[in-house]
Amino acid sequence: MEDNGIEEIRAKNFQKLIVKTSQNYSKEDYQIIYTTSFIPEEFEGSAYCVGDYYSEEGSNKSLKF
């Protein structure tokens, strides 16, 4: 999902709604893939976040040379 232009608080709230709604279903019934630069603090380091974190400023940039 492209999150440029969306308000950070709305992006984080949307993710919380996705998690809340998905808890009504068996984990074997679905897969949700959502990419964002706005991760709610309580999700960081949890099972909801997989893969690397990328940033232009940090040492882990999305485009490697």
PDB file of N, CA and C in Angstrom:
ATOM      1  N   MET A   1       0.857  -1.175   0.000  1.00  0.00           N
ATOM      2  CA  MET A   1       0.000   0.000   0.000  1.00  0.00           C
ATOM      3  C   MET A   1       0.900   1.234   0.000  1.00  0.00           C
ATOM      4  N   GLU A   2       0.585   2.157  -0.813  1.00  0.00           N
ATOM      5  CA  GLU A   2       1.292   3.434  -0.834  1.00  0.00           C
ATOM      6  C   GLU A   2       0.724   4.309   0.266  1.00  0.00           C
ATOM      7  N   ASP A   3       1.552   4.711   1.215  1.00  0.00           N
ATOM      8  CA  ASP A   3       1.027   5.516   2.314  1.00  0.00           C
ATOM      9  C   ASP A   3       1.480   6.972   2.259  1.00  0.00           C
ATOM     10  N   ASN A   4       2.053   7.381   1.136  1.00  0.00           N
ATOM     11  CA  ASN A   4       2.340   8.809   0.973  1.00  0.00           C
ATOM     12  C   ASN A   4       1.028   9.551   0.818  1.00  0.00           C
ATOM     13  N   GLY A   5       0.836  10.567   1.572  1.00  0.00           N
ATOM     14  CA  GLY A   5      -0.376  11.351   1.457  1.00  0.00           C
ATOM     15  C   GLY A   5      -1.438  10.985   2.472  1.00  0.00           C
ATOM     16  N   ILE A   6      -1.327   9.821   3.091  1.00  0.00           N
ATOM     17  CA  ILE A   6      -2.293   9.452   4.120  1.00  0.00           C
ATOM     18  C   ILE A   6      -1.765   9.941   5.473  1.00  0.00           C
ATOM     19  N   GLU A   7      -2.658  10.360   6.314  1.00  0.00           N
ATOM     20  CA  GLU A   7      -2.251  10.823   7.637  1.00  0.00           C
ATOM     21  C   GLU A   7      -1.761   9.631   8.453  1.00  0.00           C
ATOM     22  N   GLU A   8      -0.673   9.820   9.166  1.00  0.00           N
ATOM     23  CA  GLU A   8      -0.070   8.736   9.935  1.00  0.00           C
ATOM     24  C   GLU A   8      -1.055   8.106  10.917  1.00  0.00           C
ATOM     25  N   ILE A   9      -1.806   8.923  11.622  1.00  0.00           N
ATOM     26  CA  ILE A   9      -2.746   8.394  12.616  1.00  0.00           C
ATOM     27  C   ILE A   9      -3.824   7.541  11.957  1.00  0.00           C
ATOM     28  N   ARG A  10      -4.254   7.925  10.757  1.00  0.00           N
ATOM     29  CA  ARG A  10      -5.273   7.142  10.040  1.00  0.00           C
ATOM     30  C   ARG A  10      -4.688   5.829   9.530  1.00  0.00           C
ATOM     31  N   ALA A  11      -3.441   5.842   9.058  1.00  0.00           N
ATOM     32  CA  ALA A  11      -2.778   4.626   8.588  1.00  0.00           C
ATOM     33  C   ALA A  11      -2.626   3.632   9.735  1.00  0.00           C
ATOM     34  N   LYS A  12      -2.210   4.117  10.889  1.00  0.00           N
ATOM     35  CA  LYS A  12      -2.038   3.241  12.054  1.00  0.00           C
ATOM     36  C   LYS A  12      -3.384   2.704  12.537  1.00  0.00           C
ATOM     37  N   ASN A  13      -4.404   3.529  12.531  1.00  0.00           N
ATOM     38  CA  ASN A  13      -5.729   3.080  12.940  1.00  0.00           C
ATOM     39  C   ASN A  13      -6.251   2.005  11.984  1.00  0.00           C
ATOM     40  N   PHE A  14      -6.010   2.171  10.695  1.00  0.00           N
ATOM     41  CA  PHE A  14      -6.437   1.190   9.706  1.00  0.00           C
ATOM     42  C   PHE A  14      -5.795  -0.168   9.986  1.00  0.00           C
ATOM     43  N   GLN A  15      -4.510  -0.170  10.307  1.00  0.00           N
ATOM     44  CA  GLN A  15      -3.819  -1.420  10.620  1.00  0.00           C
ATOM     45  C   GLN A  15      -4.409  -2.082  11.862  1.00  0.00           C
ATOM     46  N   LYS A  16      -4.734  -1.279  12.852  1.00  0.00           N
ATOM     47  CA  LYS A  16      -5.339  -1.827  14.072  1.00  0.00           C
ATOM     48  C   LYS A  16      -6.697  -2.443  13.765  1.00  0.00           C
ATOM     49  N   LEU A  17      -7.451  -1.823  12.861  1.00  0.00           N
ATOM     50  CA  LEU A  17      -8.745  -2.376  12.454  1.00  0.00           C
ATOM     51  C   LEU A  17      -8.573  -3.687  11.685  1.00  0.00           C
ATOM     52  N   ILE A  18      -7.561  -3.765  10.852  1.00  0.00           N
ATOM     53  CA  ILE A  18      -7.279  -5.003  10.124  1.00  0.00           C
ATOM     54  C   ILE A  18      -6.993  -6.134  11.109  1.00  0.00           C
ATOM     55  N   VAL A  19      -6.143  -5.868  12.092  1.00  0.00           N
ATOM     56  CA  VAL A  19      -5.797  -6.890  13.085  1.00  0.00           C
ATOM     57  C   VAL A  19      -7.028  -7.299  13.885  1.00  0.00           C
ATOM     58  N   LYS A  20      -7.800  -6.325  14.333  1.00  0.00           N
ATOM     59  CA  LYS A  20      -8.993  -6.619  15.133  1.00  0.00           C
ATOM     60  C   LYS A  20      -9.984  -7.466  14.342  1.00  0.00           C
ATOM     61  N   THR A  21     -10.224  -7.099  13.096  1.00  0.00           N
ATOM     62  CA  THR A  21     -11.166  -7.829  12.255  1.00  0.00           C
ATOM     63  C   THR A  21     -10.656  -9.231  11.943  1.00  0.00           C
ATOM     64  N   SER A  22      -9.378  -9.359  11.663  1.00  0.00           N
ATOM     65  CA  SER A  22      -8.820 -10.662  11.293  1.00  0.00           C
ATOM     66  C   SER A  22      -8.853 -11.658  12.443  1.00  0.00           C
ATOM     67  N   GLN A  23      -8.925 -11.187  13.665  1.00  0.00           N
ATOM     68  CA  GLN A  23      -8.961 -12.085  14.814  1.00  0.00           C
ATOM     69  C   GLN A  23     -10.283 -12.856  14.897  1.00  0.00           C
ATOM     70  N   ASN A  24     -11.256 -12.486  14.079  1.00  0.00           N
ATOM     71  CA  ASN A  24     -12.524 -13.199  14.032  1.00  0.00           C
ATOM     72  C   ASN A  24     -12.471 -14.442  13.150  1.00  0.00           C
ATOM     73  N   TYR A  25     -11.339 -14.694  12.484  1.00  0.00           N
ATOM     74  CA  TYR A  25     -11.223 -15.781  11.527  1.00  0.00           C
ATOM     75  C   TYR A  25     -10.048 -16.684  11.878  1.00  0.00           C
ATOM     76  N   SER A  26     -10.141 -17.933  11.453  1.00  0.00           N
ATOM     77  CA  SER A  26      -9.055 -18.881  11.645  1.00  0.00           C
ATOM     78  C   SER A  26      -7.845 -18.435  10.827  1.00  0.00           C
ATOM     79  N   LYS A  27      -6.656 -18.556  11.383  1.00  0.00           N
ATOM     80  CA  LYS A  27      -5.442 -18.133  10.684  1.00  0.00           C
ATOM     81  C   LYS A  27      -5.205 -18.919   9.396  1.00  0.00           C
ATOM     82  N   GLU A  28      -5.772 -20.114   9.310  1.00  0.00           N
ATOM     83  CA  GLU A  28      -5.588 -20.941   8.121  1.00  0.00           C
ATOM     84  C   GLU A  28      -6.445 -20.481   6.945  1.00  0.00           C
ATOM     85  N   ASP A  29      -7.377 -19.551   7.186  1.00  0.00           N
ATOM     86  CA  ASP A  29      -8.322 -19.146   6.153  1.00  0.00           C
ATOM     87  C   ASP A  29      -7.875 -17.955   5.304  1.00  0.00           C
ATOM     88  N   TYR A  30      -6.813 -17.286   5.676  1.00  0.00           N
ATOM     89  CA  TYR A  30      -6.466 -16.064   4.954  1.00  0.00           C
ATOM     90  C   TYR A  30      -5.000 -15.704   5.133  1.00  0.00           C
ATOM     91  N   GLN A  31      -4.555 -14.795   4.309  1.00  0.00           N
ATOM     92  CA  GLN A  31      -3.243 -14.174   4.438  1.00  0.00           C
ATOM     93  C   GLN A  31      -3.411 -12.704   4.083  1.00  0.00           C
ATOM     94  N   ILE A  32      -2.855 -11.837   4.893  1.00  0.00           N
ATOM     95  CA  ILE A  32      -2.909 -10.402   4.629  1.00  0.00           C
ATOM     96  C   ILE A  32      -1.480  -9.899   4.486  1.00  0.00           C
ATOM     97  N   ILE A  33      -1.225  -9.227   3.379  1.00  0.00           N
ATOM     98  CA  ILE A  33       0.086  -8.606   3.165  1.00  0.00           C
ATOM     99  C   ILE A  33      -0.153  -7.109   3.046  1.00  0.00           C
ATOM    100  N   TYR A  34       0.484  -6.363   3.922  1.00  0.00           N
ATOM    101  CA  TYR A  34       0.285  -4.912   3.979  1.00  0.00           C
ATOM    102  C   TYR A  34       1.642  -4.286   4.229  1.00  0.00           C
ATOM    103  N   THR A  35       2.043  -3.371   3.389  1.00  0.00           N
ATOM    104  CA  THR A  35       3.323  -2.692   3.591  1.00  0.00           C
ATOM    105  C   THR A  35       3.065  -1.234   3.913  1.00  0.00           C
ATOM    106  N   THR A  36       3.868  -0.699   4.804  1.00  0.00           N
ATOM    107  CA  THR A  36       3.690   0.685   5.229  1.00  0.00           C
ATOM    108  C   THR A  36       4.944   1.193   5.916  1.00  0.00           C
ATOM    109  N   SER A  37       5.080   2.487   5.958  1.00  0.00           N
ATOM    110  CA  SER A  37       6.155   3.088   6.755  1.00  0.00           C
ATOM    111  C   SER A  37       5.623   3.580   8.096  1.00  0.00           C
ATOM    112  N   PHE A  38       4.309   3.469   8.291  1.00  0.00           N
ATOM    113  CA  PHE A  38       3.681   3.893   9.541  1.00  0.00           C
ATOM    114  C   PHE A  38       3.231   2.666  10.330  1.00  0.00           C
ATOM    115  N   ILE A  39       4.071   2.173  11.212  1.00  0.00           N
ATOM    116  CA  ILE A  39       3.758   0.987  11.993  1.00  0.00           C
ATOM    117  C   ILE A  39       3.368   1.414  13.404  1.00  0.00           C
ATOM    118  N   PRO A  40       2.193   0.969  13.881  1.00  0.00           N
ATOM    119  CA  PRO A  40       1.836   1.300  15.266  1.00  0.00           C
ATOM    120  C   PRO A  40       2.900   0.771  16.227  1.00  0.00           C
ATOM    121  N   GLU A  41       3.231   1.543  17.216  1.00  0.00           N
ATOM    122  CA  GLU A  41       4.301   1.196  18.143  1.00  0.00           C
ATOM    123  C   GLU A  41       4.091  -0.180  18.768  1.00  0.00           C
ATOM    124  N   GLU A  42       2.835  -0.524  19.091  1.00  0.00           N
ATOM    125  CA  GLU A  42       2.579  -1.814  19.732  1.00  0.00           C
ATOM    126  C   GLU A  42       2.755  -3.001  18.782  1.00  0.00           C
ATOM    127  N   PHE A  43       2.859  -2.767  17.492  1.00  0.00           N
ATOM    128  CA  PHE A  43       3.073  -3.843  16.527  1.00  0.00           C
ATOM    129  C   PHE A  43       4.556  -4.062  16.229  1.00  0.00           C
ATOM    130  N   GLU A  44       5.392  -3.080  16.495  1.00  0.00           N
ATOM    131  CA  GLU A  44       6.808  -3.203  16.181  1.00  0.00           C
ATOM    132  C   GLU A  44       7.423  -4.358  16.967  1.00  0.00           C
ATOM    133  N   GLY A  45       8.154  -5.215  16.255  1.00  0.00           N
ATOM    134  CA  GLY A  45       8.795  -6.357  16.881  1.00  0.00           C
ATOM    135  C   GLY A  45       7.842  -7.505  17.191  1.00  0.00           C
ATOM    136  N   SER A  46       6.606  -7.411  16.741  1.00  0.00           N
ATOM    137  CA  SER A  46       5.617  -8.458  17.006  1.00  0.00           C
ATOM    138  C   SER A  46       5.499  -9.392  15.808  1.00  0.00           C
ATOM    139  N   ALA A  47       4.654 -10.397  15.947  1.00  0.00           N
ATOM    140  CA  ALA A  47       4.410 -11.343  14.845  1.00  0.00           C
ATOM    141  C   ALA A  47       3.735 -10.666  13.663  1.00  0.00           C
ATOM    142  N   TYR A  48       3.190  -9.467  13.868  1.00  0.00           N
ATOM    143  CA  TYR A  48       2.539  -8.739  12.778  1.00  0.00           C
ATOM    144  C   TYR A  48       3.542  -8.098  11.824  1.00  0.00           C
ATOM    145  N   CYS A  49       4.763  -7.966  12.243  1.00  0.00           N
ATOM    146  CA  CYS A  49       5.791  -7.337  11.412  1.00  0.00           C
ATOM    147  C   CYS A  49       6.827  -8.379  11.011  1.00  0.00           C
ATOM    148  N   VAL A  50       6.956  -8.601   9.727  1.00  0.00           N
ATOM    149  CA  VAL A  50       7.953  -9.532   9.218  1.00  0.00           C
ATOM    150  C   VAL A  50       8.795  -8.811   8.175  1.00  0.00           C
ATOM    151  N   GLY A  51       9.985  -9.264   7.987  1.00  0.00           N
ATOM    152  CA  GLY A  51      10.867  -8.650   7.002  1.00  0.00           C
ATOM    153  C   GLY A  51      11.667  -7.510   7.604  1.00  0.00           C
ATOM    154  N   ASP A  52      12.450  -6.897   6.761  1.00  0.00           N
ATOM    155  CA  ASP A  52      13.341  -5.821   7.186  1.00  0.00           C
ATOM    156  C   ASP A  52      12.635  -4.480   7.203  1.00  0.00           C
ATOM    157  N   TYR A  53      13.164  -3.570   8.010  1.00  0.00           N
ATOM    158  CA  TYR A  53      12.727  -2.174   8.014  1.00  0.00           C
ATOM    159  C   TYR A  53      13.714  -1.398   7.148  1.00  0.00           C
ATOM    160  N   TYR A  54      13.189  -0.619   6.228  1.00  0.00           N
ATOM    161  CA  TYR A  54      14.029   0.152   5.315  1.00  0.00           C
ATOM    162  C   TYR A  54      13.812   1.641   5.528  1.00  0.00           C
ATOM    163  N   SER A  55      14.881   2.417   5.351  1.00  0.00           N
ATOM    164  CA  SER A  55      14.767   3.872   5.418  1.00  0.00           C
ATOM    165  C   SER A  55      15.869   4.498   4.577  1.00  0.00           C
ATOM    166  N   GLU A  56      15.613   5.695   4.131  1.00  0.00           N
ATOM    167  CA  GLU A  56      16.633   6.426   3.375  1.00  0.00           C
ATOM    168  C   GLU A  56      17.777   6.864   4.285  1.00  0.00           C
ATOM    169  N   GLU A  57      17.446   7.184   5.528  1.00  0.00           N
ATOM    170  CA  GLU A  57      18.441   7.713   6.446  1.00  0.00           C
ATOM    171  C   GLU A  57      19.301   6.627   7.085  1.00  0.00           C
ATOM    172  N   GLY A  58      18.735   5.460   7.323  1.00  0.00           N
ATOM    173  CA  GLY A  58      19.426   4.396   8.041  1.00  0.00           C
ATOM    174  C   GLY A  58      20.396   3.625   7.177  1.00  0.00           C
ATOM    175  N   SER A  59      20.993   2.629   7.779  1.00  0.00           N
ATOM    176  CA  SER A  59      21.971   1.817   7.060  1.00  0.00           C
ATOM    177  C   SER A  59      21.298   0.750   6.198  1.00  0.00           C
ATOM    178  N   ASN A  60      20.001   0.500   6.401  1.00  0.00           N
ATOM    179  CA  ASN A  60      19.292  -0.501   5.627  1.00  0.00           C
ATOM    180  C   ASN A  60      18.373   0.181   4.612  1.00  0.00           C
ATOM    181  N   LYS A  61      18.915   0.527   3.478  1.00  0.00           N
ATOM    182  CA  LYS A  61      18.145   1.194   2.429  1.00  0.00           C
ATOM    183  C   LYS A  61      17.495   0.150   1.544  1.00  0.00           C
ATOM    184  N   SER A  62      16.337   0.483   0.988  1.00  0.00           N
ATOM    185  CA  SER A  62      15.607  -0.482   0.177  1.00  0.00           C
ATOM    186  C   SER A  62      16.327  -0.785  -1.135  1.00  0.00           C
ATOM    187  N   LEU A  63      17.049   0.168  -1.657  1.00  0.00           N
ATOM    188  CA  LEU A  63      17.823  -0.056  -2.867  1.00  0.00           C
ATOM    189  C   LEU A  63      19.282  -0.184  -2.493  1.00  0.00           C
ATOM    190  N   LYS A  64      19.836  -1.329  -2.767  1.00  0.00           N
ATOM    191  CA  LYS A  64      21.237  -1.606  -2.418  1.00  0.00           C
ATOM    192  C   LYS A  64      22.107  -1.423  -3.665  1.00  0.00           C
ATOM    193  N   PHE A  65      23.308  -0.958  -3.461  1.00  0.00           N
ATOM    194  CA  PHE A  65      24.251  -0.774  -4.571  1.00  0.00           C
ATOM    195  C   PHE A  65      25.263  -1.880  -4.592  1.00  0.00           C
TER     196      PHE A  65
END
